[in-house]
Amino acid sequence: MSRWPVCRVLTVLGLLSLLSFSALAAREEAVFQVSVKVPTSDFYVLPLNPGFLEREQTLNWNPVTETLTALREYFDVKNVLGAVDAYLAYEPVLFNGSDNIALKVTFNQQVLGLAAVRVVPEDEARVGKRVLLEIAAQKPDDGYLPGQYFGNVQIIFDALRP
């Protein structure tokens, strides 16, 4: 039997203690989704806030004025071939199962309905323009009735050619 020198024993003990600390170390992992939509440079209508279309938007209730705040979001619009028209796929309303709240939708200060309207003229669309989308609740004649309301707004944009 050979005896180990004290420095070898201390070295081995030190290595074992380091290994035991690393075995007890905490570990965190993060997994998330990443995506990107790269538009063509010829035509696009994109919200400035990329998450805007991916999550539910809320019209906030003001109890002092008994009104709903409007939803406002900026969009970048471009069509190198001409103007941009827009229209709604259906009447925009919020519904709670029995009561409706009509919504007024404007894009670049143009009120949208079921028929197409010019929202960005040709000269502005060719170079690109940042415009405002606004969705505002229309107060019913008998006021807003209590409840949880939900709805969808679908806007269709057409790239026009001269």
Protein backbone atom coordinates (compact mmCIF):
# COMPACT_ATOMS: atom_id res chain seq x y z
CA MET A 1 0.00 0.00 0.00
CA SER A 2 1.32 3.31 -0.93
CA ARG A 3 0.42 6.46 0.78
CA TRP A 4 -0.65 9.40 -1.28
CA PRO A 5 0.96 12.68 -0.54
CA VAL A 6 -1.31 15.20 1.13
CA CYS A 7 -1.33 17.51 -1.91
CA ARG A 8 -2.71 14.70 -4.13
CA VAL A 9 -5.46 13.95 -1.65
CA LEU A 10 -6.40 17.63 -1.45
CA THR A 11 -6.41 17.89 -5.26
CA VAL A 12 -8.72 14.88 -5.60
CA LEU A 13 -11.03 16.24 -2.88
CA GLY A 14 -11.12 19.63 -4.58
CA LEU A 15 -12.05 18.08 -7.94
CA LEU A 16 -14.78 15.99 -6.34
CA SER A 17 -16.23 19.04 -4.62
CA LEU A 18 -16.27 20.98 -7.91
CA LEU A 19 -18.02 18.11 -9.64
CA SER A 20 -20.63 17.90 -6.91
CA PHE A 21 -21.41 21.63 -7.23
CA SER A 22 -21.89 21.35 -10.99
CA ALA A 23 -24.21 18.39 -10.48
CA LEU A 24 -26.41 20.57 -8.26
CA ALA A 25 -26.43 23.58 -10.63
CA ALA A 26 -29.85 24.83 -11.72
CA ARG A 27 -30.80 24.76 -15.37
CA GLU A 28 -33.33 26.89 -17.24
CA GLU A 29 -34.56 26.42 -20.78
CA ALA A 30 -36.64 28.77 -22.90
CA VAL A 31 -38.49 27.64 -25.99
CA PHE A 32 -40.40 30.11 -28.11
CA GLN A 33 -41.70 30.45 -31.63
CA VAL A 34 -40.16 32.78 -34.15
CA SER A 35 -41.72 33.72 -37.45
CA VAL A 36 -41.45 36.43 -40.04
CA LYS A 37 -43.53 37.56 -42.97
CA VAL A 38 -41.49 39.40 -45.56
CA PRO A 39 -43.85 41.24 -47.91
CA THR A 40 -43.22 41.86 -51.54
CA SER A 41 -41.81 45.28 -52.22
CA ASP A 42 -44.59 45.85 -54.77
CA PHE A 43 -47.67 45.68 -52.51
CA TYR A 44 -48.25 45.50 -48.77
CA VAL A 45 -50.57 46.68 -46.01
CA LEU A 46 -48.85 45.99 -42.70
CA PRO A 47 -49.52 47.19 -39.16
CA LEU A 48 -46.68 49.14 -37.60
CA ASN A 49 -47.04 46.90 -34.53
CA PRO A 50 -46.53 43.38 -35.93
CA GLY A 51 -48.44 41.73 -33.07
CA PHE A 52 -51.57 43.80 -33.69
CA LEU A 53 -53.27 41.24 -35.94
CA GLU A 54 -52.24 38.30 -33.79
CA ARG A 55 -54.05 39.15 -30.57
CA GLU A 56 -57.47 40.26 -29.43
CA GLN A 57 -57.88 44.03 -29.26
CA THR A 58 -59.88 45.72 -26.50
CA LEU A 59 -62.02 48.84 -26.59
CA ASN A 60 -61.69 50.16 -23.04
CA TRP A 61 -64.69 51.33 -21.04
CA ASN A 62 -64.51 54.81 -19.48
CA PRO A 63 -66.90 54.80 -16.48
CA VAL A 64 -66.78 58.60 -16.08
CA THR A 65 -67.93 59.43 -19.63
CA GLU A 66 -69.70 56.07 -20.16
CA THR A 67 -67.99 55.64 -23.52
CA LEU A 68 -65.68 53.14 -25.18
CA THR A 69 -62.25 54.26 -26.34
CA ALA A 70 -61.49 53.86 -30.02
CA LEU A 71 -58.88 51.43 -31.24
CA ARG A 72 -56.12 53.13 -33.24
CA GLU A 73 -53.24 51.49 -35.09
CA TYR A 74 -50.92 52.71 -37.82
CA PHE A 75 -50.32 50.73 -41.01
CA ASP A 76 -47.65 51.03 -43.68
CA VAL A 77 -49.20 50.81 -47.16
CA LYS A 78 -47.53 50.55 -50.55
CA ASN A 79 -48.56 49.61 -54.10
CA VAL A 80 -45.99 50.44 -56.76
CA LEU A 81 -48.55 49.79 -59.51
CA GLY A 82 -51.32 52.12 -58.37
CA ALA A 83 -53.86 53.03 -55.70
CA VAL A 84 -55.19 50.93 -52.81
CA ASP A 85 -58.89 50.33 -52.20
CA ALA A 86 -60.44 48.71 -49.13
CA TYR A 87 -63.80 47.38 -47.96
CA LEU A 88 -65.30 45.32 -45.15
CA ALA A 89 -66.21 41.66 -45.64
CA TYR A 90 -69.27 42.09 -43.36
CA GLU A 91 -70.85 44.67 -41.07
CA PRO A 92 -68.60 45.14 -38.03
CA VAL A 93 -70.40 44.71 -34.71
CA LEU A 94 -69.72 43.62 -31.18
CA PHE A 95 -72.27 41.10 -29.88
CA ASN A 96 -73.00 39.76 -26.40
CA GLY A 97 -75.60 37.15 -27.26
CA SER A 98 -78.56 39.53 -27.33
CA ASP A 99 -77.31 43.09 -27.88
CA ASN A 100 -75.12 44.64 -30.60
CA ILE A 101 -72.73 47.57 -30.65
CA ALA A 102 -72.04 48.83 -34.17
CA LEU A 103 -68.47 49.72 -35.08
CA LYS A 104 -67.28 52.49 -37.38
CA VAL A 105 -64.09 51.54 -39.24
CA THR A 106 -61.94 54.17 -40.92
CA PHE A 107 -58.68 53.68 -42.76
CA ASN A 108 -56.68 56.76 -43.73
CA GLN A 109 -59.73 58.87 -42.76
CA GLN A 110 -61.98 56.98 -45.20
CA VAL A 111 -65.05 55.28 -43.70
CA LEU A 112 -65.12 51.64 -44.75
CA GLY A 113 -68.28 49.77 -45.70
CA LEU A 114 -69.24 46.77 -47.80
CA ALA A 115 -68.36 48.61 -51.05
CA ALA A 116 -64.75 49.39 -51.96
CA VAL A 117 -63.44 52.91 -51.38
CA ARG A 118 -60.11 54.46 -52.28
CA VAL A 119 -58.01 54.57 -49.10
CA VAL A 120 -54.62 55.52 -50.59
CA PRO A 121 -54.41 57.39 -53.91
CA GLU A 122 -51.99 56.24 -56.61
CA ASP A 123 -49.36 58.94 -56.12
CA GLU A 124 -49.10 58.21 -52.37
CA ALA A 125 -49.32 54.42 -52.69
CA ARG A 126 -46.45 54.25 -55.20
CA VAL A 127 -43.95 55.66 -52.69
CA GLY A 128 -45.62 54.20 -49.60
CA LYS A 129 -47.51 55.87 -46.80
CA ARG A 130 -48.18 55.38 -43.08
CA VAL A 131 -51.91 55.65 -42.36
CA LEU A 132 -54.21 55.27 -39.37
CA LEU A 133 -56.80 52.54 -38.85
CA GLU A 134 -59.47 53.54 -36.36
CA ILE A 135 -62.25 51.35 -35.02
CA ALA A 136 -64.79 53.21 -32.89
CA ALA A 137 -67.93 51.97 -31.15
CA GLN A 138 -71.15 53.70 -32.13
CA LYS A 139 -73.16 54.45 -28.99
CA PRO A 140 -76.63 52.84 -29.19
CA ASP A 141 -79.68 55.12 -28.75
CA ASP A 142 -80.44 53.50 -25.39
CA GLY A 143 -76.78 53.63 -24.31
CA TYR A 144 -74.37 50.79 -23.76
CA LEU A 145 -75.99 47.82 -22.06
CA PRO A 146 -73.93 45.76 -19.60
CA GLY A 147 -72.35 42.56 -20.88
CA GLN A 148 -69.27 40.96 -22.39
CA TYR A 149 -69.14 41.78 -26.11
CA PHE A 150 -67.08 40.15 -28.87
CA GLY A 151 -66.74 40.66 -32.60
CA ASN A 152 -64.49 40.58 -35.65
CA VAL A 153 -63.50 43.14 -38.23
CA GLN A 154 -62.33 41.87 -41.61
CA ILE A 155 -60.87 44.41 -44.03
CA ILE A 156 -60.00 43.47 -47.61
CA PHE A 157 -57.38 45.53 -49.43
CA ASP A 158 -57.12 45.62 -53.21
CA ALA A 159 -53.97 46.61 -55.08
CA LEU A 160 -55.16 48.49 -58.15
CA ARG A 161 -53.39 48.92 -61.45
CA PRO A 162 -53.81 52.05 -63.54
